[in-house]
Protein backbone atom coordinates (compact mmCIF):
# COMPACT_ATOMS: atom_id res chain seq x y z
CA UNK A 1 -12.50 37.59 6.06
CA UNK A 2 -10.57 34.37 5.47
CA UNK A 3 -12.11 32.81 8.62
CA UNK A 4 -15.61 33.74 7.41
CA UNK A 5 -14.93 32.06 4.07
CA UNK A 6 -13.69 28.87 5.77
CA UNK A 7 -16.74 28.79 8.05
CA UNK A 8 -19.04 29.34 5.07
CA UNK A 9 -17.35 26.49 3.16
CA UNK A 10 -17.73 24.21 6.16
CA UNK A 11 -21.41 25.16 6.42
CA UNK A 12 -22.03 24.35 2.75
CA UNK A 13 -20.28 20.99 3.10
CA UNK A 14 -22.29 20.13 6.22
CA UNK A 15 -25.53 21.30 4.60
CA UNK A 16 -24.96 19.17 1.50
CA UNK A 17 -24.07 16.12 3.61
CA UNK A 18 -27.24 16.48 5.71
CA UNK A 19 -29.23 17.00 2.53
CA UNK A 20 -27.86 13.77 1.09
CA UNK A 21 -28.83 11.93 4.28
CA UNK A 22 -32.36 13.35 4.04
CA UNK A 23 -32.55 11.97 0.51
CA UNK A 24 -31.80 8.44 1.73
CA UNK A 25 -34.69 6.16 2.67
CA UNK A 26 -34.34 2.54 3.83
CA UNK A 27 -37.44 0.40 4.25
CA UNK A 28 -39.01 -3.05 4.27
CA UNK A 29 -42.09 -2.90 2.03
CA UNK A 30 -44.92 -5.18 3.21
CA UNK A 31 -45.91 -6.10 -0.38
CA UNK A 32 -42.34 -7.01 -1.31
CA UNK A 33 -41.94 -9.01 1.86
CA UNK A 34 -45.19 -10.91 1.16
CA UNK A 35 -43.96 -11.79 -2.34
CA UNK A 36 -40.58 -12.83 -0.96
CA UNK A 37 -42.31 -15.09 1.58
CA UNK A 38 -44.41 -16.71 -1.15
CA UNK A 39 -41.44 -17.24 -3.49
CA UNK A 40 -39.17 -18.54 -0.72
CA UNK A 41 -41.70 -21.02 0.62
CA UNK A 42 -42.46 -22.34 -2.85
CA UNK A 43 -38.85 -22.78 -3.98
CA UNK A 44 -36.50 -23.02 -0.98
CA UNK A 45 -36.44 -26.83 -0.80
CA UNK A 46 -35.09 -27.08 -4.35
CA UNK A 47 -32.66 -24.14 -4.18
CA UNK A 48 -28.97 -24.64 -3.40
CA UNK A 49 -28.86 -21.18 -1.82
CA UNK A 50 -31.03 -20.82 1.28
CA UNK A 51 -31.97 -17.57 3.07
CA UNK A 52 -29.27 -16.24 5.37
CA UNK A 53 -29.58 -17.82 8.84
CA UNK A 54 -31.24 -15.52 11.37
CA UNK A 55 -33.85 -15.52 14.11
CA UNK A 56 -36.20 -13.97 11.53
CA UNK A 57 -35.70 -16.91 9.17
CA UNK A 58 -36.32 -19.22 12.12
CA UNK A 59 -39.62 -17.43 12.85
CA UNK A 60 -40.49 -17.68 9.17
CA UNK A 61 -39.95 -21.45 9.11
CA UNK A 62 -41.90 -21.98 12.33
CA UNK A 63 -44.85 -19.78 11.39
CA UNK A 64 -45.33 -21.11 7.86
CA UNK A 65 -44.60 -24.79 8.56
CA UNK A 66 -48.34 -25.55 8.68
CA UNK A 67 -48.88 -23.84 5.31
CA UNK A 68 -45.97 -25.28 3.32
CA UNK A 69 -48.28 -27.45 1.18
CA UNK A 70 -50.85 -24.77 0.47
CA UNK A 71 -52.48 -25.20 -2.97
CA UNK A 72 -51.00 -21.99 -4.32
CA UNK A 73 -47.49 -23.00 -3.32
CA UNK A 74 -47.90 -26.40 -4.95
CA UNK A 75 -49.28 -24.71 -8.06
CA UNK A 76 -46.14 -22.59 -8.27
CA UNK A 77 -43.81 -25.53 -7.61
CA UNK A 78 -45.34 -27.47 -10.52
CA UNK A 79 -44.95 -24.73 -13.14
CA UNK A 80 -42.64 -25.26 -16.09
CA UNK A 81 -40.61 -22.20 -15.11
CA UNK A 82 -40.28 -19.94 -12.08
CA UNK A 83 -39.73 -16.23 -11.89
CA UNK A 84 -36.36 -14.65 -11.14
CA UNK A 85 -35.24 -13.81 -7.61
CA UNK A 86 -36.24 -10.19 -8.34
CA UNK A 87 -39.94 -11.15 -8.34
CA UNK A 88 -40.39 -9.44 -4.95
CA UNK A 89 -39.69 -6.07 -6.59
CA UNK A 90 -43.12 -6.40 -8.20
CA UNK A 91 -44.49 -5.34 -4.81
CA UNK A 92 -43.68 -1.66 -5.46
CA UNK A 93 -46.17 -1.66 -8.33
CA UNK A 94 -49.04 -3.31 -6.46
CA UNK A 95 -51.99 -1.80 -4.62
CA UNK A 96 -51.26 -1.09 -0.98
CA UNK A 97 -53.85 -3.48 0.45
CA UNK A 98 -55.19 -6.98 -0.15
CA UNK A 99 -56.40 -8.11 -2.64
CA UNK A 100 -53.27 -6.97 -4.48
CA UNK A 101 -53.51 -5.73 -8.05
CA UNK A 102 -50.99 -4.12 -10.37
CA UNK A 103 -51.67 -0.39 -9.98
CA UNK A 104 -48.57 1.10 -11.60
CA UNK A 105 -47.37 0.26 -15.10
CA UNK A 106 -44.44 -2.17 -15.10
CA UNK A 107 -41.24 -1.18 -16.92
CA UNK A 108 -40.13 -4.80 -16.67
CA UNK A 109 -42.14 -8.01 -16.79
CA UNK A 110 -41.33 -9.55 -13.42
CA UNK A 111 -43.85 -12.36 -13.89
CA UNK A 112 -42.64 -14.94 -16.43
CA UNK A 113 -44.01 -18.06 -14.73
CA UNK A 114 -47.63 -17.56 -15.80
CA UNK A 115 -50.09 -14.85 -16.76
CA UNK A 116 -50.19 -11.86 -14.40
CA UNK A 117 -53.80 -12.54 -13.42
CA UNK A 118 -53.10 -16.19 -12.62
CA UNK A 119 -50.03 -15.37 -10.57
CA UNK A 120 -51.84 -12.68 -8.56
CA UNK A 121 -54.83 -14.95 -7.98
CA UNK A 122 -52.59 -17.59 -6.36
CA UNK A 123 -50.50 -15.03 -4.52
CA UNK A 124 -53.60 -13.37 -3.05
CA UNK A 125 -55.07 -16.75 -2.08
CA UNK A 126 -51.84 -17.65 -0.30
CA UNK A 127 -51.64 -14.23 1.39
CA UNK A 128 -55.11 -14.58 2.90
CA UNK A 129 -55.17 -18.29 3.75
CA UNK A 130 -51.68 -18.37 5.25
CA UNK A 131 -52.06 -15.23 7.36
CA UNK A 132 -49.11 -13.42 5.79
CA UNK A 133 -50.40 -10.07 7.02
CA UNK A 134 -50.27 -11.35 10.61
CA UNK A 135 -46.66 -12.53 10.21
CA UNK A 136 -45.53 -9.22 8.72
CA UNK A 137 -47.37 -7.17 11.34
CA UNK A 138 -45.74 -9.30 14.09
CA UNK A 139 -42.29 -8.26 12.83
CA UNK A 140 -43.05 -4.60 12.13
CA UNK A 141 -40.85 -3.30 14.97
CA UNK A 142 -38.01 -5.59 13.95
CA UNK A 143 -38.21 -4.31 10.34
CA UNK A 144 -38.03 -0.72 11.58
CA UNK A 145 -35.01 -1.50 13.75
CA UNK A 146 -33.16 -3.29 10.94
CA UNK A 147 -33.85 -0.41 8.51
CA UNK A 148 -32.70 2.22 11.01
CA UNK A 149 -29.46 0.35 11.63
CA UNK A 150 -28.84 -0.12 7.90
CA UNK A 151 -29.44 3.58 7.23
CA UNK A 152 -27.19 4.58 10.13
CA UNK A 153 -24.40 2.33 8.84
CA UNK A 154 -24.49 4.12 5.48
CA UNK A 155 -24.59 7.59 7.01
CA UNK A 156 -21.85 6.87 9.55
CA UNK A 157 -19.58 5.42 6.86
CA UNK A 158 -19.23 8.90 5.35
CA UNK A 159 -19.81 7.51 1.86
CA UNK A 160 -22.60 10.02 1.09
CA UNK A 161 -20.23 12.94 1.69
CA UNK A 162 -17.55 11.17 -0.37
CA UNK A 163 -19.96 10.74 -3.29
CA UNK A 164 -20.96 14.41 -3.26
CA UNK A 165 -17.34 15.51 -3.03
CA UNK A 166 -16.41 13.38 -6.02
CA UNK A 167 -19.22 14.66 -8.22
CA UNK A 168 -18.98 18.21 -6.91
CA UNK A 169 -22.73 18.71 -6.70
CA UNK A 170 -25.81 17.72 -4.75
CA UNK A 171 -28.98 16.09 -6.05
CA UNK A 172 -32.67 16.50 -5.25
CA UNK A 173 -33.32 12.89 -6.19
CA UNK A 174 -34.29 10.31 -3.59
CA UNK A 175 -32.36 7.09 -3.09
CA UNK A 176 -34.70 4.40 -1.80
CA UNK A 177 -33.33 1.07 -0.53
CA UNK A 178 -35.75 -1.81 -0.06
CA UNK A 179 -34.37 -4.55 2.19
CA UNK A 180 -35.31 -8.17 1.42
CA UNK A 181 -34.48 -10.22 4.50
CA UNK A 182 -35.14 -13.64 2.91
CA UNK A 183 -33.21 -12.95 -0.28
CA UNK A 184 -29.70 -14.41 -0.24
CA UNK A 185 -29.21 -14.38 -4.00
CA UNK A 186 -28.75 -10.87 -5.36
CA UNK A 187 -29.62 -7.18 -5.57
CA UNK A 188 -31.61 -5.45 -8.28
CA UNK A 189 -32.50 -1.93 -9.35
CA UNK A 190 -36.19 -1.10 -9.74
CA UNK A 191 -37.07 1.14 -12.69
CA UNK A 192 -40.25 3.12 -13.23
CA UNK A 193 -41.22 6.21 -15.20
CA UNK A 194 -44.37 6.67 -13.14
CA UNK A 195 -44.90 10.15 -11.68
CA UNK A 196 -45.14 8.61 -8.20
CA UNK A 197 -41.46 7.64 -8.36
CA UNK A 198 -40.16 10.69 -10.20
CA UNK A 199 -36.63 11.49 -9.07
CA UNK A 200 -36.28 8.21 -7.18
CA UNK A 201 -33.49 5.70 -7.61
CA UNK A 202 -34.95 2.51 -6.16
CA UNK A 203 -32.94 -0.56 -5.31
CA UNK A 204 -33.70 -3.87 -3.61
CA UNK A 205 -30.88 -5.21 -1.47
CA UNK A 206 -30.43 -8.86 -0.56
CA UNK A 207 -29.42 -9.97 2.92
CA UNK A 208 -26.37 -11.84 1.66
CA UNK A 209 -24.77 -14.43 3.89
CA UNK A 210 -21.29 -13.75 5.24
CA UNK A 211 -20.04 -17.23 6.10
CA UNK A 212 -17.16 -15.80 8.11
CA UNK A 213 -19.69 -14.60 10.70
CA UNK A 214 -20.97 -18.15 11.33
CA UNK A 215 -24.59 -17.03 11.47
CA UNK A 216 -27.24 -19.34 12.92
CA UNK A 217 -31.01 -19.38 13.39
CA UNK A 218 -30.43 -17.55 16.67
CA UNK A 219 -28.56 -14.64 15.07
CA UNK A 220 -30.30 -11.25 14.92
CA UNK A 221 -30.35 -9.58 11.51
CA UNK A 222 -27.56 -7.03 11.22
CA UNK A 223 -27.99 -5.56 7.75
CA UNK A 224 -24.94 -3.54 6.74
CA UNK A 225 -25.28 -2.61 3.05
CA UNK A 226 -22.14 -3.01 0.94
CA UNK A 227 -20.76 0.46 0.25
CA UNK A 228 -19.73 -0.35 -3.32
CA UNK A 229 -23.34 -1.30 -4.10
CA UNK A 230 -24.70 1.85 -2.43
CA UNK A 231 -22.13 4.03 -4.22
CA UNK A 232 -22.93 2.40 -7.55
CA UNK A 233 -26.66 2.98 -7.28
CA UNK A 234 -26.42 6.55 -5.99
CA UNK A 235 -23.93 7.34 -8.76
CA UNK A 236 -26.62 6.72 -11.35
CA UNK A 237 -28.33 9.86 -10.05
CA UNK A 238 -25.24 11.99 -10.61
CA UNK A 239 -24.16 10.89 -14.09
CA UNK A 240 -27.49 10.07 -15.72
CA UNK A 241 -27.27 13.30 -17.73
CA UNK A 242 -23.94 12.38 -19.37
CA UNK A 243 -25.70 10.38 -22.05
CA UNK A 244 -28.54 12.90 -22.36
CA UNK A 245 -26.15 15.80 -22.94
CA UNK A 246 -23.90 13.92 -25.38
CA UNK A 247 -26.27 11.43 -27.00
CA UNK A 248 -25.56 12.57 -30.58
CA UNK A 249 -21.78 12.26 -30.28
CA UNK A 250 -21.99 9.02 -28.33
CA UNK A 251 -24.39 7.41 -30.80
CA UNK A 252 -21.68 7.76 -33.45
CA UNK A 253 -19.44 5.41 -31.46
CA UNK A 254 -22.11 3.15 -29.95
CA UNK A 255 -20.40 0.01 -31.30
CA UNK A 256 -17.59 0.72 -28.84
CA UNK A 257 -19.91 -0.29 -25.99
CA UNK A 258 -21.38 -3.41 -27.58
CA UNK A 259 -18.52 -5.85 -26.98
CA UNK A 260 -17.91 -7.34 -23.55
CA UNK A 261 -14.49 -8.30 -22.14
CA UNK A 262 -14.65 -11.88 -23.40
CA UNK A 263 -15.76 -10.83 -26.88
CA UNK A 264 -19.49 -11.28 -26.33
CA UNK A 265 -21.47 -9.18 -28.85
CA UNK A 266 -24.49 -7.31 -27.56
CA UNK A 267 -27.61 -6.14 -29.35
CA UNK A 268 -27.40 -2.55 -30.64
CA UNK A 269 -30.39 -1.58 -28.51
CA UNK A 270 -28.24 -2.14 -25.41
CA UNK A 271 -25.58 0.50 -26.07
CA UNK A 272 -27.09 3.23 -23.87
CA UNK A 273 -27.46 0.96 -20.87
CA UNK A 274 -23.97 -0.47 -21.36
CA UNK A 275 -22.43 2.99 -21.54
CA UNK A 276 -24.36 4.21 -18.50
CA UNK A 277 -23.25 1.19 -16.47
CA UNK A 278 -19.65 1.60 -17.64
CA UNK A 279 -19.46 5.22 -16.49
CA UNK A 280 -21.11 4.42 -13.16
CA UNK A 281 -18.77 1.51 -12.47
CA UNK A 282 -15.68 3.58 -13.20
CA UNK A 283 -16.91 6.43 -10.99
CA UNK A 284 -17.73 3.98 -8.20
CA UNK A 285 -14.19 2.60 -8.27
CA UNK A 286 -12.74 6.12 -8.19
CA UNK A 287 -14.93 7.07 -5.22
CA UNK A 288 -13.82 3.95 -3.33
CA UNK A 289 -10.23 4.85 -4.15
CA UNK A 290 -10.82 8.42 -2.95
CA UNK A 291 -12.23 7.19 0.36
CA UNK A 292 -10.31 4.00 1.10
CA UNK A 293 -7.16 4.21 -1.03
CA UNK A 294 -5.75 2.84 -4.29
CA UNK A 295 -6.07 -0.79 -3.29
CA UNK A 296 -9.85 -0.61 -2.90
CA UNK A 297 -10.25 1.29 -6.16
CA UNK A 298 -8.19 -1.27 -8.06
CA UNK A 299 -10.04 -4.16 -6.44
CA UNK A 300 -13.38 -2.72 -7.57
CA UNK A 301 -12.27 -1.94 -11.13
CA UNK A 302 -10.61 -5.35 -11.51
CA UNK A 303 -13.95 -6.93 -10.68
CA UNK A 304 -15.84 -4.72 -13.12
CA UNK A 305 -13.34 -5.28 -15.93
CA UNK A 306 -14.31 -8.95 -16.05
CA UNK A 307 -17.30 -7.84 -18.10
CA UNK A 308 -16.67 -4.20 -19.10
CA UNK A 309 -13.60 -4.19 -21.35
CA UNK A 310 -13.27 -0.39 -21.22
CA UNK A 311 -13.46 -0.26 -17.43
CA UNK A 312 -9.71 -0.26 -16.70
CA UNK A 313 -8.68 2.15 -19.49
CA UNK A 314 -11.41 4.61 -18.51
CA UNK A 315 -10.53 4.24 -14.83
CA UNK A 316 -6.95 5.24 -15.68
CA UNK A 317 -8.19 8.20 -17.70
CA UNK A 318 -10.31 9.43 -14.78
CA UNK A 319 -7.08 10.17 -12.92
CA UNK A 320 -7.12 13.38 -14.96
CA UNK A 321 -10.34 14.33 -13.20
CA UNK A 322 -9.08 13.39 -9.74
CA UNK A 323 -5.81 15.31 -10.10
CA UNK A 324 -7.28 18.47 -11.64
CA UNK A 325 -10.29 19.33 -9.53
CA UNK A 326 -9.45 23.04 -9.74
CA UNK A 327 -10.28 22.80 -13.44
CA UNK A 328 -13.21 20.41 -12.99
CA UNK A 329 -15.37 21.60 -10.12
CA UNK A 330 -18.12 19.13 -10.99
CA UNK A 331 -18.33 15.92 -13.00
CA UNK A 332 -20.30 17.82 -15.64
CA UNK A 333 -17.25 20.02 -16.30
CA UNK A 334 -15.40 16.81 -17.17
CA UNK A 335 -18.03 15.47 -19.61
CA UNK A 336 -16.38 16.98 -22.74
CA UNK A 337 -13.09 15.25 -21.84
CA UNK A 338 -14.83 11.88 -21.34
CA UNK A 339 -16.54 12.21 -24.72
CA UNK A 340 -13.25 13.18 -26.38
CA UNK A 341 -11.46 10.22 -24.80
CA UNK A 342 -14.10 7.75 -25.92
CA UNK A 343 -14.22 9.14 -29.45
CA UNK A 344 -10.45 8.78 -29.78
CA UNK A 345 -10.17 5.44 -27.99
CA UNK A 346 -8.08 2.80 -29.74
CA UNK A 347 -7.72 -0.81 -28.63
């Protein structure tokens, strides 16, 4: 009987791990890539940070050399302000084919450089005249290979199993990673309440340069997502109900979350987001500790505490969760203790 129980437990663990892997999708979106190409061509000469060296970036420079002074690029260069590096994330909300239009309601205004219609007019003109579709189609197999390798690196790391073990439950939500091969500046989450994306946690990952690897224009793209970033984003799926379940009690102490580490005061409307990010960052550090040891956990929480002043105290409190998993089978079982701790927190 004991052997049957052990085998059943192993089956459940394996099933949940495979389920988590099925919920992971890594892709290069052709609309995002087209926007990234447009933005990079228009701004790269004035940016201190260039795309990460690779044979793909070399192809990009060679292919688009003849188009670098296209009217739409010059229009963008001469604007009073440019959009943020997350402009490529707009692609998720566009129609699937040229001419591109905004089909899905934006939760964030990605376009701050001009009116939406004006931006899309110039983007579409550039896309057609400069044969962007041809360039993207030429690299379709390479995109697929890079995405497969990135997904495999996440799955083989064992971090998905570690995340499920920490939270003590599985999720039906999808985690979708969009790779941006020309972006060497930063990652960003993509939010949408549209029914098309229901249950999705979408995130755009930059191909950040690792100078220790001495990459050149002959280097193939080897995209290995940072596990702390992956853990952070997936964690949002597991603890998003903490605020929903306890919103009344938490709203009574919302001022607790409106002061950053260096004393910066935040607008009251930000308290929910600040709390959500705080919980996720603490959980991420604990998961890294659980998988890689104390040193990695402390390294992560030290970094997060530069902004989140409650990060270290809450990280220490979460030791209660880690050491008493018989009492707290899932993170939800621990929610009352987190709320109690926060309500009684004193500087």
